């Protein structure tokens, strides 16, 4: 009985990891829509594994299987890789993809002359190698990478945990 109180179940760990991704994704939307920090292409890439982890966390809270925990761990390890790549681009360790900075590009042939000259509206061009926000010298991509490694650890703990009621 005491061990059940101390050792979290697979279901609890999966739900916790999914909730962690939900908090991170909601924070990213908060920075974007409340803080006015438009995401770059690589920032958007980092959102998809969190979305997948949220879905896996919801399913795993109902059906706490090892496969779901393994998929959640893989999504966070992959996201940590994307975050490391993005951090390297920000720090000029390596070049970013050709699509960086082109996320806001649009077909100019469809715009009128007045729309082309209007600078009050339109998409904001965000470059992947520019740090929009940092804390303690680490960018959002760096913090996301750290968080993804922590979440991957929780998913792996969920993978290794016993199912409720298992001996």
C-alpha atoms as a PDB file:
ATOM      1  CA  UNK A   1       0.000   0.000   0.000  1.00  0.00           C
ATOM      2  CA  UNK A   2       2.763   2.447   0.927  1.00  0.00           C
ATOM      3  CA  UNK A   3       4.645   1.682  -2.296  1.00  0.00           C
ATOM      4  CA  UNK A   4       1.557   2.648  -4.353  1.00  0.00           C
ATOM      5  CA  UNK A   5       1.573   6.058  -2.644  1.00  0.00           C
ATOM      6  CA  UNK A   6       5.293   6.582  -3.295  1.00  0.00           C
ATOM      7  CA  UNK A   7       5.649   5.008  -6.764  1.00  0.00           C
ATOM      8  CA  UNK A   8       3.557   6.711  -9.424  1.00  0.00           C
ATOM      9  CA  UNK A   9       1.677   4.485 -11.815  1.00  0.00           C
ATOM     10  CA  UNK A  10       2.163   4.392 -15.563  1.00  0.00           C
ATOM     11  CA  UNK A  11      -1.170   6.167 -15.968  1.00  0.00           C
ATOM     12  CA  UNK A  12      -0.092   8.995 -13.655  1.00  0.00           C
ATOM     13  CA  UNK A  13       3.278   9.438 -15.363  1.00  0.00           C
ATOM     14  CA  UNK A  14       1.755   9.427 -18.857  1.00  0.00           C
ATOM     15  CA  UNK A  15      -0.861  11.973 -17.808  1.00  0.00           C
ATOM     16  CA  UNK A  16       1.824  14.123 -16.164  1.00  0.00           C
ATOM     17  CA  UNK A  17       4.016  14.074 -19.275  1.00  0.00           C
ATOM     18  CA  UNK A  18       1.074  14.948 -21.522  1.00  0.00           C
ATOM     19  CA  UNK A  19       0.127  17.764 -19.163  1.00  0.00           C
ATOM     20  CA  UNK A  20       3.724  19.034 -19.286  1.00  0.00           C
ATOM     21  CA  UNK A  21       3.547  19.285 -23.060  1.00  0.00           C
ATOM     22  CA  UNK A  22       0.200  21.066 -22.775  1.00  0.00           C
ATOM     23  CA  UNK A  23       1.742  23.658 -20.452  1.00  0.00           C
ATOM     24  CA  UNK A  24       4.665  24.195 -22.834  1.00  0.00           C
ATOM     25  CA  UNK A  25       2.417  24.502 -25.885  1.00  0.00           C
ATOM     26  CA  UNK A  26       0.061  26.906 -24.098  1.00  0.00           C
ATOM     27  CA  UNK A  27       3.097  28.940 -23.026  1.00  0.00           C
ATOM     28  CA  UNK A  28       4.258  29.130 -26.652  1.00  0.00           C
ATOM     29  CA  UNK A  29       0.817  30.374 -27.692  1.00  0.00           C
ATOM     30  CA  UNK A  30       0.919  32.865 -24.825  1.00  0.00           C
ATOM     31  CA  UNK A  31       4.276  34.236 -25.984  1.00  0.00           C
ATOM     32  CA  UNK A  32       2.858  34.475 -29.497  1.00  0.00           C
ATOM     33  CA  UNK A  33      -0.614  35.906 -28.935  1.00  0.00           C
ATOM     34  CA  UNK A  34      -0.219  37.749 -25.641  1.00  0.00           C
ATOM     35  CA  UNK A  35       3.458  38.658 -25.823  1.00  0.00           C
ATOM     36  CA  UNK A  36       3.535  39.465 -29.532  1.00  0.00           C
ATOM     37  CA  UNK A  37       6.499  37.163 -30.297  1.00  0.00           C
ATOM     38  CA  UNK A  38       5.824  35.614 -33.686  1.00  0.00           C
ATOM     39  CA  UNK A  39       7.338  32.129 -34.105  1.00  0.00           C
ATOM     40  CA  UNK A  40       9.857  31.203 -36.775  1.00  0.00           C
ATOM     41  CA  UNK A  41       9.599  28.052 -38.879  1.00  0.00           C
ATOM     42  CA  UNK A  42      11.692  26.008 -36.464  1.00  0.00           C
ATOM     43  CA  UNK A  43       9.608  27.215 -33.506  1.00  0.00           C
ATOM     44  CA  UNK A  44       6.541  25.870 -35.280  1.00  0.00           C
ATOM     45  CA  UNK A  45       8.295  22.534 -35.873  1.00  0.00           C
ATOM     46  CA  UNK A  46       8.807  22.212 -32.123  1.00  0.00           C
ATOM     47  CA  UNK A  47       5.088  22.560 -31.449  1.00  0.00           C
ATOM     48  CA  UNK A  48       4.028  19.429 -33.337  1.00  0.00           C
ATOM     49  CA  UNK A  49       5.713  16.861 -31.051  1.00  0.00           C
ATOM     50  CA  UNK A  50       4.116  18.577 -28.054  1.00  0.00           C
ATOM     51  CA  UNK A  51       0.711  18.327 -29.745  1.00  0.00           C
ATOM     52  CA  UNK A  52       1.341  14.620 -30.361  1.00  0.00           C
ATOM     53  CA  UNK A  53       2.405  14.169 -26.723  1.00  0.00           C
ATOM     54  CA  UNK A  54      -0.785  15.848 -25.519  1.00  0.00           C
ATOM     55  CA  UNK A  55      -2.879  13.399 -27.539  1.00  0.00           C
ATOM     56  CA  UNK A  56      -0.758  10.467 -26.339  1.00  0.00           C
ATOM     57  CA  UNK A  57      -1.090  11.688 -22.757  1.00  0.00           C
ATOM     58  CA  UNK A  58      -4.870  11.869 -23.052  1.00  0.00           C
ATOM     59  CA  UNK A  59      -5.111   8.405 -24.592  1.00  0.00           C
ATOM     60  CA  UNK A  60      -2.558   7.006 -22.141  1.00  0.00           C
ATOM     61  CA  UNK A  61      -4.493   8.365 -19.170  1.00  0.00           C
ATOM     62  CA  UNK A  62      -7.355   6.112 -20.269  1.00  0.00           C
ATOM     63  CA  UNK A  63      -5.321   3.221 -21.710  1.00  0.00           C
ATOM     64  CA  UNK A  64      -1.907   3.327 -19.993  1.00  0.00           C
ATOM     65  CA  UNK A  65       0.068   1.075 -22.332  1.00  0.00           C
ATOM     66  CA  UNK A  66       3.824   0.786 -22.703  1.00  0.00           C
ATOM     67  CA  UNK A  67       3.518   1.534 -26.426  1.00  0.00           C
ATOM     68  CA  UNK A  68       1.927   4.908 -25.714  1.00  0.00           C
ATOM     69  CA  UNK A  69       4.659   5.721 -23.199  1.00  0.00           C
ATOM     70  CA  UNK A  70       7.327   4.724 -25.727  1.00  0.00           C
ATOM     71  CA  UNK A  71       5.758   6.905 -28.438  1.00  0.00           C
ATOM     72  CA  UNK A  72       5.581   9.817 -26.010  1.00  0.00           C
ATOM     73  CA  UNK A  73       9.261   9.389 -25.142  1.00  0.00           C
ATOM     74  CA  UNK A  74      10.182   9.269 -28.831  1.00  0.00           C
ATOM     75  CA  UNK A  75       8.204  12.440 -29.539  1.00  0.00           C
ATOM     76  CA  UNK A  76      10.033  14.319 -26.778  1.00  0.00           C
ATOM     77  CA  UNK A  77      13.465  12.974 -27.749  1.00  0.00           C
ATOM     78  CA  UNK A  78      12.765  14.028 -31.335  1.00  0.00           C
ATOM     79  CA  UNK A  79      11.611  17.435 -30.152  1.00  0.00           C
ATOM     80  CA  UNK A  80      14.767  17.817 -28.059  1.00  0.00           C
ATOM     81  CA  UNK A  81      16.726  17.148 -31.251  1.00  0.00           C
ATOM     82  CA  UNK A  82      14.800  19.851 -33.114  1.00  0.00           C
ATOM     83  CA  UNK A  83      15.385  22.244 -30.211  1.00  0.00           C
ATOM     84  CA  UNK A  84      19.116  21.479 -30.195  1.00  0.00           C
ATOM     85  CA  UNK A  85      19.254  22.073 -33.947  1.00  0.00           C
ATOM     86  CA  UNK A  86      17.393  25.378 -33.507  1.00  0.00           C
ATOM     87  CA  UNK A  87      19.686  26.402 -30.649  1.00  0.00           C
ATOM     88  CA  UNK A  88      22.705  25.705 -32.867  1.00  0.00           C
ATOM     89  CA  UNK A  89      21.236  27.876 -35.618  1.00  0.00           C
ATOM     90  CA  UNK A  90      20.618  30.685 -33.117  1.00  0.00           C
ATOM     91  CA  UNK A  91      24.188  30.472 -31.823  1.00  0.00           C
ATOM     92  CA  UNK A  92      25.702  30.237 -35.332  1.00  0.00           C
ATOM     93  CA  UNK A  93      27.076  26.747 -34.679  1.00  0.00           C
ATOM     94  CA  UNK A  94      25.608  25.653 -38.034  1.00  0.00           C
ATOM     95  CA  UNK A  95      23.337  26.932 -40.777  1.00  0.00           C
ATOM     96  CA  UNK A  96      19.590  26.645 -40.569  1.00  0.00           C
ATOM     97  CA  UNK A  97      17.284  25.245 -43.223  1.00  0.00           C
ATOM     98  CA  UNK A  98      16.626  27.235 -46.377  1.00  0.00           C
ATOM     99  CA  UNK A  99      13.018  27.763 -45.302  1.00  0.00           C
ATOM    100  CA  UNK A 100      13.999  29.865 -42.280  1.00  0.00           C
ATOM    101  CA  UNK A 101      12.962  33.433 -42.819  1.00  0.00           C
ATOM    102  CA  UNK A 102      10.724  32.437 -45.692  1.00  0.00           C
ATOM    103  CA  UNK A 103       7.803  31.296 -43.566  1.00  0.00           C
ATOM    104  CA  UNK A 104       6.017  34.583 -44.024  1.00  0.00           C
ATOM    105  CA  UNK A 105       6.716  34.853 -47.737  1.00  0.00           C
ATOM    106  CA  UNK A 106       3.706  34.919 -49.986  1.00  0.00           C
ATOM    107  CA  UNK A 107       2.919  35.078 -53.686  1.00  0.00           C
ATOM    108  CA  UNK A 108       3.404  38.755 -54.474  1.00  0.00           C
ATOM    109  CA  UNK A 109       1.700  38.460 -57.873  1.00  0.00           C
ATOM    110  CA  UNK A 110      -1.684  38.171 -56.168  1.00  0.00           C
ATOM    111  CA  UNK A 111      -1.296  41.488 -54.287  1.00  0.00           C
ATOM    112  CA  UNK A 112      -2.368  44.896 -55.519  1.00  0.00           C
ATOM    113  CA  UNK A 113       0.083  47.813 -55.676  1.00  0.00           C
ATOM    114  CA  UNK A 114      -1.467  49.401 -52.579  1.00  0.00           C
ATOM    115  CA  UNK A 115      -1.225  46.129 -50.665  1.00  0.00           C
ATOM    116  CA  UNK A 116       2.432  45.807 -51.632  1.00  0.00           C
ATOM    117  CA  UNK A 117       3.172  49.288 -50.311  1.00  0.00           C
ATOM    118  CA  UNK A 118       1.089  49.000 -47.139  1.00  0.00           C
ATOM    119  CA  UNK A 119       3.447  48.428 -44.196  1.00  0.00           C
ATOM    120  CA  UNK A 120       0.768  48.601 -41.472  1.00  0.00           C
ATOM    121  CA  UNK A 121      -0.379  45.030 -41.978  1.00  0.00           C
ATOM    122  CA  UNK A 122       0.981  41.814 -43.327  1.00  0.00           C
ATOM    123  CA  UNK A 123       3.021  38.957 -42.054  1.00  0.00           C
ATOM    124  CA  UNK A 124       6.009  39.529 -39.848  1.00  0.00           C
ATOM    125  CA  UNK A 125       9.197  37.934 -41.108  1.00  0.00           C
ATOM    126  CA  UNK A 126      10.846  35.941 -38.333  1.00  0.00           C
ATOM    127  CA  UNK A 127      14.331  34.563 -38.844  1.00  0.00           C
ATOM    128  CA  UNK A 128      15.324  31.301 -37.170  1.00  0.00           C
ATOM    129  CA  UNK A 129      18.777  32.570 -36.206  1.00  0.00           C
ATOM    130  CA  UNK A 130      17.447  35.519 -34.192  1.00  0.00           C
ATOM    131  CA  UNK A 131      16.670  35.017 -30.493  1.00  0.00           C
ATOM    132  CA  UNK A 132      13.350  36.710 -29.719  1.00  0.00           C
ATOM    133  CA  UNK A 133      13.438  36.020 -25.961  1.00  0.00           C
ATOM    134  CA  UNK A 134      15.925  34.540 -23.535  1.00  0.00           C
ATOM    135  CA  UNK A 135      16.276  33.860 -19.831  1.00  0.00           C
ATOM    136  CA  UNK A 136      19.607  33.199 -18.101  1.00  0.00           C
ATOM    137  CA  UNK A 137      21.297  33.247 -21.502  1.00  0.00           C
ATOM    138  CA  UNK A 138      19.126  30.484 -22.938  1.00  0.00           C
ATOM    139  CA  UNK A 139      16.613  31.003 -25.731  1.00  0.00           C
ATOM    140  CA  UNK A 140      13.122  29.544 -25.880  1.00  0.00           C
ATOM    141  CA  UNK A 141      14.468  26.790 -28.136  1.00  0.00           C
ATOM    142  CA  UNK A 142      17.092  25.914 -25.518  1.00  0.00           C
ATOM    143  CA  UNK A 143      14.528  25.880 -22.709  1.00  0.00           C
ATOM    144  CA  UNK A 144      12.210  23.761 -24.845  1.00  0.00           C
ATOM    145  CA  UNK A 145      15.037  21.282 -25.400  1.00  0.00           C
ATOM    146  CA  UNK A 146      15.687  21.013 -21.663  1.00  0.00           C
ATOM    147  CA  UNK A 147      11.966  20.613 -20.961  1.00  0.00           C
ATOM    148  CA  UNK A 148      11.692  17.942 -23.655  1.00  0.00           C
ATOM    149  CA  UNK A 149      14.505  15.936 -22.071  1.00  0.00           C
ATOM    150  CA  UNK A 150      12.766  16.144 -18.684  1.00  0.00           C
ATOM    151  CA  UNK A 151       9.466  15.103 -20.266  1.00  0.00           C
ATOM    152  CA  UNK A 152      11.209  12.258 -22.130  1.00  0.00           C
ATOM    153  CA  UNK A 153      12.461  11.074 -18.738  1.00  0.00           C
ATOM    154  CA  UNK A 154       8.911  11.101 -17.374  1.00  0.00           C
ATOM    155  CA  UNK A 155       7.654   9.187 -20.429  1.00  0.00           C
ATOM    156  CA  UNK A 156      10.454   6.631 -19.939  1.00  0.00           C
ATOM    157  CA  UNK A 157       9.557   6.309 -16.252  1.00  0.00           C
ATOM    158  CA  UNK A 158       5.988   5.668 -17.418  1.00  0.00           C
ATOM    159  CA  UNK A 159       7.260   3.048 -19.841  1.00  0.00           C
ATOM    160  CA  UNK A 160       9.099   1.268 -17.041  1.00  0.00           C
ATOM    161  CA  UNK A 161       6.327   1.630 -14.447  1.00  0.00           C
ATOM    162  CA  UNK A 162       3.979  -1.184 -13.673  1.00  0.00           C
ATOM    163  CA  UNK A 163       0.372  -0.976 -14.667  1.00  0.00           C
ATOM    164  CA  UNK A 164      -2.069  -0.362 -11.817  1.00  0.00           C
ATOM    165  CA  UNK A 165      -2.899  -3.658 -10.157  1.00  0.00           C
ATOM    166  CA  UNK A 166       0.078  -5.494 -11.711  1.00  0.00           C
ATOM    167  CA  UNK A 167       2.159  -7.537  -9.327  1.00  0.00           C
END
